[in-house]
Amino acid sequence: RNMFLFLSIHWGLYYGIQTVAGKKFLGDFCRMPSQTAAWILSLVGFLSAVSGVLVALLSRIAGGRQRQFCIGVAWAAFVCVGTVAALTWFDIPSRLPAYLFCCMALGSSLSAVTIPLYKANNRPEDIVTVLAISNCVCYLSVGVFANLAGHLLDLFPPALENGIQVYSARSWAVVFTAMAVCAAISVAATHRIHSSRNP
């Protein structure tokens, strides 16, 4: 259950930013041109793809400490989202969120560490079912986060600038604060994950 909770939140946050809220946020709050924001999110997607190989290599170098990797990336996501939340609350437009989104992407593909953890905590005959449920839960969470972000943004009416709706820093602050709370829950869940190896 803790693995499901961690992965669903972690993937939901990353993928929700990468595909739903990220481009709009970079335009509204960071004042980036649409083309620049699109390039950054393309880079985020590329880093996510590369991260699967990177995590596998680092895990092997570290002696297979899968649980510690989960804890580390959960904390990294919390720090990244929390920092963006702070910037929006204090209305400090910056390009820093673009770099933070890239950092989140580097810890987004975790199959190399999560599959061994699933194997260590489930019967062999249950692994396929467990992985299928995990994958399903992760993508369901994306829909939940996307809808939640939309509802939270609409708490404060957007302004019209050149015919384009622009959400205020206050609107984005609510969204990223909610994400930070979810990220904190993800961190708590990783500390309750059991591992066959707990050095």
C-alpha atoms as a PDB file:
ATOM      1  CA  ARG A   1       0.000   0.000   0.000  1.00  0.00           C
ATOM      2  CA  ASN A   2       2.806   2.409   0.818  1.00  0.00           C
ATOM      3  CA  MET A   3       4.448   1.694  -2.527  1.00  0.00           C
ATOM      4  CA  PHE A   4       1.165   2.363  -4.318  1.00  0.00           C
ATOM      5  CA  LEU A   5       0.724   5.608  -2.389  1.00  0.00           C
ATOM      6  CA  PHE A   6       4.276   6.788  -3.026  1.00  0.00           C
ATOM      7  CA  LEU A   7       4.316   5.915  -6.733  1.00  0.00           C
ATOM      8  CA  SER A   8       0.851   7.267  -7.505  1.00  0.00           C
ATOM      9  CA  ILE A   9       1.615  10.636  -5.919  1.00  0.00           C
ATOM     10  CA  HIS A  10       5.159  10.827  -7.289  1.00  0.00           C
ATOM     11  CA  TRP A  11       4.156   9.991 -10.865  1.00  0.00           C
ATOM     12  CA  GLY A  12       0.979  12.061 -10.656  1.00  0.00           C
ATOM     13  CA  LEU A  13       2.923  15.145  -9.608  1.00  0.00           C
ATOM     14  CA  TYR A  14       5.606  14.768 -12.267  1.00  0.00           C
ATOM     15  CA  TYR A  15       3.342  13.790 -15.148  1.00  0.00           C
ATOM     16  CA  GLY A  16       0.686  16.336 -14.189  1.00  0.00           C
ATOM     17  CA  ILE A  17       3.294  19.100 -14.350  1.00  0.00           C
ATOM     18  CA  GLN A  18       4.882  17.795 -17.536  1.00  0.00           C
ATOM     19  CA  THR A  19       1.681  17.327 -19.518  1.00  0.00           C
ATOM     20  CA  VAL A  20      -1.031  19.484 -17.917  1.00  0.00           C
ATOM     21  CA  ALA A  21       0.028  22.404 -15.735  1.00  0.00           C
ATOM     22  CA  GLY A  22       3.678  23.005 -16.554  1.00  0.00           C
ATOM     23  CA  LYS A  23       3.457  24.940 -19.816  1.00  0.00           C
ATOM     24  CA  LYS A  24       0.634  27.162 -18.568  1.00  0.00           C
ATOM     25  CA  PHE A  25       2.461  27.824 -15.300  1.00  0.00           C
ATOM     26  CA  LEU A  26       5.732  28.731 -17.012  1.00  0.00           C
ATOM     27  CA  GLY A  27       3.820  31.174 -19.193  1.00  0.00           C
ATOM     28  CA  ASP A  28       1.596  32.692 -16.511  1.00  0.00           C
ATOM     29  CA  PHE A  29       3.965  32.961 -13.567  1.00  0.00           C
ATOM     30  CA  CYS A  30       7.476  32.733 -15.034  1.00  0.00           C
ATOM     31  CA  ARG A  31       6.464  34.914 -18.011  1.00  0.00           C
ATOM     32  CA  MET A  32       8.122  32.593 -20.485  1.00  0.00           C
ATOM     33  CA  PRO A  33       7.171  32.719 -24.166  1.00  0.00           C
ATOM     34  CA  SER A  34       5.074  29.761 -25.210  1.00  0.00           C
ATOM     35  CA  GLN A  35       7.816  28.349 -27.423  1.00  0.00           C
ATOM     36  CA  THR A  36      10.396  28.509 -24.624  1.00  0.00           C
ATOM     37  CA  ALA A  37       8.042  26.796 -22.193  1.00  0.00           C
ATOM     38  CA  ALA A  38       7.372  24.077 -24.762  1.00  0.00           C
ATOM     39  CA  TRP A  39      11.102  23.463 -25.253  1.00  0.00           C
ATOM     40  CA  ILE A  40      11.638  23.207 -21.502  1.00  0.00           C
ATOM     41  CA  LEU A  41       8.868  20.653 -21.110  1.00  0.00           C
ATOM     42  CA  SER A  42      10.295  18.705 -24.043  1.00  0.00           C
ATOM     43  CA  LEU A  43      13.591  18.651 -22.144  1.00  0.00           C
ATOM     44  CA  VAL A  44      11.710  17.487 -19.051  1.00  0.00           C
ATOM     45  CA  GLY A  45      10.269  14.608 -21.063  1.00  0.00           C
ATOM     46  CA  PHE A  46      13.720  13.688 -22.405  1.00  0.00           C
ATOM     47  CA  LEU A  47      15.216  13.721 -18.894  1.00  0.00           C
ATOM     48  CA  SER A  48      12.408  11.495 -17.682  1.00  0.00           C
ATOM     49  CA  ALA A  49      13.249   8.958 -20.388  1.00  0.00           C
ATOM     50  CA  VAL A  50      16.956   9.083 -19.526  1.00  0.00           C
ATOM     51  CA  SER A  51      16.268   8.825 -15.792  1.00  0.00           C
ATOM     52  CA  GLY A  52      15.190   5.192 -16.079  1.00  0.00           C
ATOM     53  CA  VAL A  53      18.689   4.195 -17.208  1.00  0.00           C
ATOM     54  CA  LEU A  54      20.354   6.605 -14.787  1.00  0.00           C
ATOM     55  CA  VAL A  55      18.437   5.280 -11.784  1.00  0.00           C
ATOM     56  CA  ALA A  56      19.259   1.688 -12.766  1.00  0.00           C
ATOM     57  CA  LEU A  57      22.986   2.477 -12.990  1.00  0.00           C
ATOM     58  CA  LEU A  58      23.071   4.429  -9.734  1.00  0.00           C
ATOM     59  CA  SER A  59      21.110   1.741  -7.929  1.00  0.00           C
ATOM     60  CA  ARG A  60      23.586  -0.886  -9.081  1.00  0.00           C
ATOM     61  CA  ILE A  61      26.556   1.260  -8.038  1.00  0.00           C
ATOM     62  CA  ALA A  62      24.926   1.820  -4.641  1.00  0.00           C
ATOM     63  CA  GLY A  63      24.525  -1.892  -4.073  1.00  0.00           C
ATOM     64  CA  GLY A  64      20.825  -2.169  -4.818  1.00  0.00           C
ATOM     65  CA  ARG A  65      19.537   0.183  -2.143  1.00  0.00           C
ATOM     66  CA  GLN A  66      16.100   0.587  -3.740  1.00  0.00           C
ATOM     67  CA  ARG A  67      14.267   1.864  -0.686  1.00  0.00           C
ATOM     68  CA  GLN A  68      16.795   4.659  -0.175  1.00  0.00           C
ATOM     69  CA  PHE A  69      16.339   5.762  -3.775  1.00  0.00           C
ATOM     70  CA  CYS A  70      12.591   6.009  -3.256  1.00  0.00           C
ATOM     71  CA  ILE A  71      13.087   8.083  -0.123  1.00  0.00           C
ATOM     72  CA  GLY A  72      15.594  10.328  -1.900  1.00  0.00           C
ATOM     73  CA  VAL A  73      13.449  11.077  -4.947  1.00  0.00           C
ATOM     74  CA  ALA A  74      10.365  11.628  -2.766  1.00  0.00           C
ATOM     75  CA  TRP A  75      12.242  14.218  -0.724  1.00  0.00           C
ATOM     76  CA  ALA A  76      13.619  15.818  -3.899  1.00  0.00           C
ATOM     77  CA  ALA A  77      10.105  16.150  -5.332  1.00  0.00           C
ATOM     78  CA  PHE A  78       8.867  17.660  -2.062  1.00  0.00           C
ATOM     79  CA  VAL A  79      11.689  20.225  -2.045  1.00  0.00           C
ATOM     80  CA  CYS A  80      11.100  21.108  -5.712  1.00  0.00           C
ATOM     81  CA  VAL A  81       7.325  21.518  -5.407  1.00  0.00           C
ATOM     82  CA  GLY A  82       7.640  23.248  -2.036  1.00  0.00           C
ATOM     83  CA  THR A  83      10.106  25.757  -3.475  1.00  0.00           C
ATOM     84  CA  VAL A  84       7.763  26.557  -6.355  1.00  0.00           C
ATOM     85  CA  ALA A  85       4.910  26.971  -3.850  1.00  0.00           C
ATOM     86  CA  ALA A  86       7.022  29.438  -1.841  1.00  0.00           C
ATOM     87  CA  LEU A  87       7.912  31.430  -4.967  1.00  0.00           C
ATOM     88  CA  THR A  88       4.253  31.732  -5.903  1.00  0.00           C
ATOM     89  CA  TRP A  89       3.085  32.659  -2.395  1.00  0.00           C
ATOM     90  CA  PHE A  90       5.639  35.470  -2.254  1.00  0.00           C
ATOM     91  CA  ASP A  91       4.969  36.320  -5.916  1.00  0.00           C
ATOM     92  CA  ILE A  92       8.590  36.060  -7.001  1.00  0.00           C
ATOM     93  CA  PRO A  93       8.584  35.426 -10.765  1.00  0.00           C
ATOM     94  CA  SER A  94      11.644  33.387 -11.618  1.00  0.00           C
ATOM     95  CA  ARG A  95      12.961  30.840 -14.079  1.00  0.00           C
ATOM     96  CA  LEU A  96      13.977  28.613 -11.182  1.00  0.00           C
ATOM     97  CA  PRO A  97      10.830  26.418 -11.501  1.00  0.00           C
ATOM     98  CA  ALA A  98      12.009  25.335 -14.967  1.00  0.00           C
ATOM     99  CA  TYR A  99      15.186  23.915 -13.435  1.00  0.00           C
ATOM    100  CA  LEU A 100      13.223  22.343 -10.589  1.00  0.00           C
ATOM    101  CA  PHE A 101      10.918  20.583 -13.050  1.00  0.00           C
ATOM    102  CA  CYS A 102      14.004  19.160 -14.762  1.00  0.00           C
ATOM    103  CA  CYS A 103      15.270  17.911 -11.406  1.00  0.00           C
ATOM    104  CA  MET A 104      11.944  16.196 -10.767  1.00  0.00           C
ATOM    105  CA  ALA A 105      12.156  14.523 -14.177  1.00  0.00           C
ATOM    106  CA  LEU A 106      15.510  12.965 -13.272  1.00  0.00           C
ATOM    107  CA  GLY A 107      13.759  10.972 -10.558  1.00  0.00           C
ATOM    108  CA  SER A 108      10.548  10.146 -12.364  1.00  0.00           C
ATOM    109  CA  SER A 109      11.259   6.741 -13.962  1.00  0.00           C
ATOM    110  CA  LEU A 110      11.760   4.393 -11.044  1.00  0.00           C
ATOM    111  CA  SER A 111      10.986   0.944 -12.441  1.00  0.00           C
ATOM    112  CA  ALA A 112      14.575  -0.179 -11.822  1.00  0.00           C
ATOM    113  CA  VAL A 113      14.115   0.261  -8.076  1.00  0.00           C
ATOM    114  CA  THR A 114      10.387  -0.260  -7.584  1.00  0.00           C
ATOM    115  CA  ILE A 115      10.078  -3.624  -9.337  1.00  0.00           C
ATOM    116  CA  PRO A 116      12.702  -5.263  -7.059  1.00  0.00           C
ATOM    117  CA  LEU A 117      10.847  -3.828  -4.052  1.00  0.00           C
ATOM    118  CA  TYR A 118       7.583  -5.280  -5.290  1.00  0.00           C
ATOM    119  CA  LYS A 119       9.301  -8.640  -5.761  1.00  0.00           C
ATOM    120  CA  ALA A 120      10.715  -8.491  -2.247  1.00  0.00           C
ATOM    121  CA  ASN A 121       7.310  -7.818  -0.691  1.00  0.00           C
ATOM    122  CA  ASN A 122       4.963 -10.020  -2.711  1.00  0.00           C
ATOM    123  CA  ARG A 123       4.622 -13.648  -3.684  1.00  0.00           C
ATOM    124  CA  PRO A 124       6.064 -14.479  -7.133  1.00  0.00           C
ATOM    125  CA  GLU A 125       2.647 -15.445  -8.474  1.00  0.00           C
ATOM    126  CA  ASP A 126       1.248 -12.031  -7.489  1.00  0.00           C
ATOM    127  CA  ILE A 127       3.906  -9.833  -9.110  1.00  0.00           C
ATOM    128  CA  VAL A 128       2.218  -9.396 -12.486  1.00  0.00           C
ATOM    129  CA  THR A 129      -1.060  -8.369 -10.855  1.00  0.00           C
ATOM    130  CA  VAL A 130       0.683  -6.020  -8.435  1.00  0.00           C
ATOM    131  CA  LEU A 131       2.595  -4.308 -11.256  1.00  0.00           C
ATOM    132  CA  ALA A 132      -0.579  -3.935 -13.314  1.00  0.00           C
ATOM    133  CA  ILE A 133      -2.419  -2.363 -10.371  1.00  0.00           C
ATOM    134  CA  SER A 134       0.521  -0.063  -9.671  1.00  0.00           C
ATOM    135  CA  ASN A 135       0.604   1.127 -13.280  1.00  0.00           C
ATOM    136  CA  CYS A 136      -3.159   1.686 -13.250  1.00  0.00           C
ATOM    137  CA  VAL A 137      -3.054   3.651  -9.986  1.00  0.00           C
ATOM    138  CA  CYS A 138      -0.222   5.856 -11.262  1.00  0.00           C
ATOM    139  CA  TYR A 139      -2.130   6.950 -14.353  1.00  0.00           C
ATOM    140  CA  LEU A 140      -5.385   7.383 -12.448  1.00  0.00           C
ATOM    141  CA  SER A 141      -3.526   9.770 -10.154  1.00  0.00           C
ATOM    142  CA  VAL A 142      -2.548  11.893 -13.171  1.00  0.00           C
ATOM    143  CA  GLY A 143      -6.231  12.437 -13.922  1.00  0.00           C
ATOM    144  CA  VAL A 144      -6.918  13.269 -10.283  1.00  0.00           C
ATOM    145  CA  PHE A 145      -4.099  15.824 -10.121  1.00  0.00           C
ATOM    146  CA  ALA A 146      -5.091  17.390 -13.443  1.00  0.00           C
ATOM    147  CA  ASN A 147      -8.694  17.860 -12.333  1.00  0.00           C
ATOM    148  CA  LEU A 148      -7.653  19.065  -8.892  1.00  0.00           C
ATOM    149  CA  ALA A 149      -5.326  21.655 -10.425  1.00  0.00           C
ATOM    150  CA  GLY A 150      -8.107  22.892 -12.694  1.00  0.00           C
ATOM    151  CA  HIS A 151     -10.570  23.309  -9.826  1.00  0.00           C
ATOM    152  CA  LEU A 152      -8.013  25.049  -7.620  1.00  0.00           C
ATOM    153  CA  LEU A 153      -6.969  27.449 -10.376  1.00  0.00           C
ATOM    154  CA  ASP A 154     -10.591  28.466 -10.861  1.00  0.00           C
ATOM    155  CA  LEU A 155     -10.894  29.543  -7.223  1.00  0.00           C
ATOM    156  CA  PHE A 156      -9.542  32.895  -8.415  1.00  0.00           C
ATOM    157  CA  PRO A 157     -10.740  34.206 -11.802  1.00  0.00           C
ATOM    158  CA  PRO A 158      -7.935  34.641 -14.350  1.00  0.00           C
ATOM    159  CA  ALA A 159      -7.103  37.970 -15.917  1.00  0.00           C
ATOM    160  CA  LEU A 160      -7.253  38.537 -19.649  1.00  0.00           C
ATOM    161  CA  GLU A 161      -4.006  39.639 -21.304  1.00  0.00           C
ATOM    162  CA  ASN A 162      -4.120  40.034 -25.081  1.00  0.00           C
ATOM    163  CA  GLY A 163      -7.103  37.726 -25.140  1.00  0.00           C
ATOM    164  CA  ILE A 164      -5.310  34.995 -23.167  1.00  0.00           C
ATOM    165  CA  GLN A 165      -6.394  33.869 -19.692  1.00  0.00           C
ATOM    166  CA  VAL A 166      -3.555  34.365 -17.213  1.00  0.00           C
ATOM    167  CA  TYR A 167      -3.836  32.942 -13.712  1.00  0.00           C
ATOM    168  CA  SER A 168      -2.422  34.941 -10.833  1.00  0.00           C
ATOM    169  CA  ALA A 169       0.418  33.980  -8.515  1.00  0.00           C
ATOM    170  CA  ARG A 170      -2.228  33.390  -5.833  1.00  0.00           C
ATOM    171  CA  SER A 171      -3.969  30.796  -8.001  1.00  0.00           C
ATOM    172  CA  TRP A 172      -0.736  28.935  -8.671  1.00  0.00           C
ATOM    173  CA  ALA A 173       0.225  29.190  -4.999  1.00  0.00           C
ATOM    174  CA  VAL A 174      -2.887  27.225  -4.058  1.00  0.00           C
ATOM    175  CA  VAL A 175      -2.132  24.573  -6.690  1.00  0.00           C
ATOM    176  CA  PHE A 176       1.496  24.067  -5.712  1.00  0.00           C
ATOM    177  CA  THR A 177       0.718  24.135  -2.006  1.00  0.00           C
ATOM    178  CA  ALA A 178      -1.719  21.277  -2.576  1.00  0.00           C
ATOM    179  CA  MET A 179       1.002  19.480  -4.551  1.00  0.00           C
ATOM    180  CA  ALA A 180       3.494  20.063  -1.732  1.00  0.00           C
ATOM    181  CA  VAL A 181       1.088  18.522   0.775  1.00  0.00           C
ATOM    182  CA  CYS A 182       0.706  15.490  -1.487  1.00  0.00           C
ATOM    183  CA  ALA A 183       4.488  15.291  -1.883  1.00  0.00           C
ATOM    184  CA  ALA A 184       4.844  15.294   1.926  1.00  0.00           C
ATOM    185  CA  ILE A 185       2.443  12.336   2.100  1.00  0.00           C
ATOM    186  CA  SER A 186       4.593  10.602  -0.522  1.00  0.00           C
ATOM    187  CA  VAL A 187       7.696  11.161   1.617  1.00  0.00           C
ATOM    188  CA  ALA A 188       5.946   9.680   4.650  1.00  0.00           C
ATOM    189  CA  ALA A 189       4.909   6.646   2.615  1.00  0.00           C
ATOM    190  CA  THR A 190       8.488   5.931   1.481  1.00  0.00           C
ATOM    191  CA  HIS A 191       9.648   5.720   5.088  1.00  0.00           C
ATOM    192  CA  ARG A 192       7.129   2.929   5.647  1.00  0.00           C
ATOM    193  CA  ILE A 193       8.201   0.856   2.640  1.00  0.00           C
ATOM    194  CA  HIS A 194       9.682  -2.495   3.582  1.00  0.00           C
ATOM    195  CA  SER A 195      12.765  -3.763   1.820  1.00  0.00           C
ATOM    196  CA  SER A 196      14.566  -7.069   1.761  1.00  0.00           C
ATOM    197  CA  ARG A 197      17.706  -5.016   2.274  1.00  0.00           C
ATOM    198  CA  ASN A 198      17.691  -2.174   4.812  1.00  0.00           C
ATOM    199  CA  PRO A 199      21.280  -1.187   5.577  1.00  0.00           C
END
